[in-house]
Amino acid sequence: MTGAMGEIATVTVDPARARVYAEGWQSWSATDVYPATAPPQPVTSRESLAIDFQYGHAAPGGVFRGTGLLAIDPGDGGPVSVFGAPGPSSRVPVIHAALRGTSFVVSADGCVVGPRGPDLAGALGEWAGSFAAMAGVKGLRAIPPVWCSWYSFGPEVTAAGVAESAGRMSSLGLPVDVVQIDDGYQARIGDWLTPSGRFGDLPGLVARITDSGRRAGIWIAPMLAGRSSELYAAHPDWVVRSLGSGDPVYAGNVCRDMCTALDLSCPAAAEYLGGVLSAMRDWGITYFKIDFCYAGAYEGARHEGMTGVEAYRLGLRMIREAIGPEAFLVGCGAPVLPSVGLVDAMRVGPDIAASWEPAGSPQHPTMPSQRNASRNVVARAWQHGRFWVNDPDCLMLRPAAARRADWASVVERYGGLRASGDEPGQLDDWALETTRRLLVPSPLDPFT
């Protein structure tokens, strides 16, 4: 739960023109610049509350919440006010803004700093520079263009499918540098070195990729443990437990399994995960996409007494040590501010999808869709080149994708990391030409 909220400021605004930037908790959490009179839609999904919100609960109705960062443009020509964490610490402050007549009443449950600037982009950039310096950000690296198996094959990916797609990339002249194997190669979440029946020789596939002159990449959810996994069956003492009931914390239904959080403050659990990642590195993998990272920051009972944020940052440092300094590390489903200075690139929005609108009713703002992905990518553009390389998610340009030209434009303008999610054989002439043009190493200059 949040700590005690205390009022920290009152900002006079023009309600008809004022705007509020409210930072979300993790990669997929809804983040936008909202009109003052139109706060974010209510969240009702159990999964979204568990996954997308710090402490597992949303803001009260009609209240803007920034997780570590909130900014108010008063809309009357006055300066933009930023309320943000001064730097990485043991927890991320929760910041609320409630419109009361012609003023926003701002409250927080922790220390925040309040720079001001003439416009929203400038004010956020000034705050970001200070935060990044405190987090030790330096020497950002361009990320080479990537192909990811998920959006072509999903969890039913096969070694043969990846190899065939890699061959088509060459014949079609797609400038892919990294072939990233996504979810589906492993038997269960946590049993990463036990292959599924579709991947009898994963090291052999990695060798085929690297022998072709490309880099090999892999997806892994290192901070999760599936309740059906051999890992959990053998080591139930390696997971984070609720401070109340003592049960394993609920980390969502992920990849066909109910999951809990691996406790990386436990030396044995950290040694296990380090061994998994070191083995993958020794196969020749040099690009690691770590997903569902929010689980590492859950509050709960751990082997060592520490906050969720402290445990998460400890885990990221351990992961970096295991994969080595030269490997690329890409965060996803990851707490935003606690990750600054510890990853090379970061997903900044929900998953892309072939549809514009998210599936289901109500249509939650964190679910996969072009609408939700585009919103976050544009809103968080200022983070690129300051915190890391922004990852908007993959190009999806197959003919079946709705509004595919619009998504290509968003990636081209704000893309940062460039990746394709299409099976090359699915692409028509326009999609092939556009994919060839957009698959370039990521730029590093901040988007403004």
Foldseek 3Di string as FASTA:
>chain_A
DFADKDWDDKAFADQQFKWKWAAWFAQLAFTFTGRLQDEDDDDDDQLCLLQTHVVSDDDPPQKGKHFQWMWMDRRPQDWIKIWGQQEDDQGTKIKIWHDDPRMTTIIIRDDTDIDIGRDDLVRVLVSLQRHLVRLVDDDFDWDAEEAEACLAQNLCDALVLLVVLVVVCVVLVQRHQEYEYEHNQAPDQVRRVHGDPRPPDPLVSQVVQVVVVHAYEYEHALFKDFPPDPVCVVCVQQFFAAPPPRHFDFLHCPPNGTIGTGQCVPVVSLVVSLVSLLVVLVSGHQEYEHESLVRQQHAGDHPDDGHSLVSSLVSLVSNCVSNDDRGAYEYYSHGPRSCFNRHQEYNNHAAADLAAFADDPPGDLSHHYVVNLLRRLVSCLQCFLSRHFYASYAQDQFPSRPPSVVSLVSCQQRNRHYYHHHSSVRHDPVRSVSSNVRRGTGDNDGRD
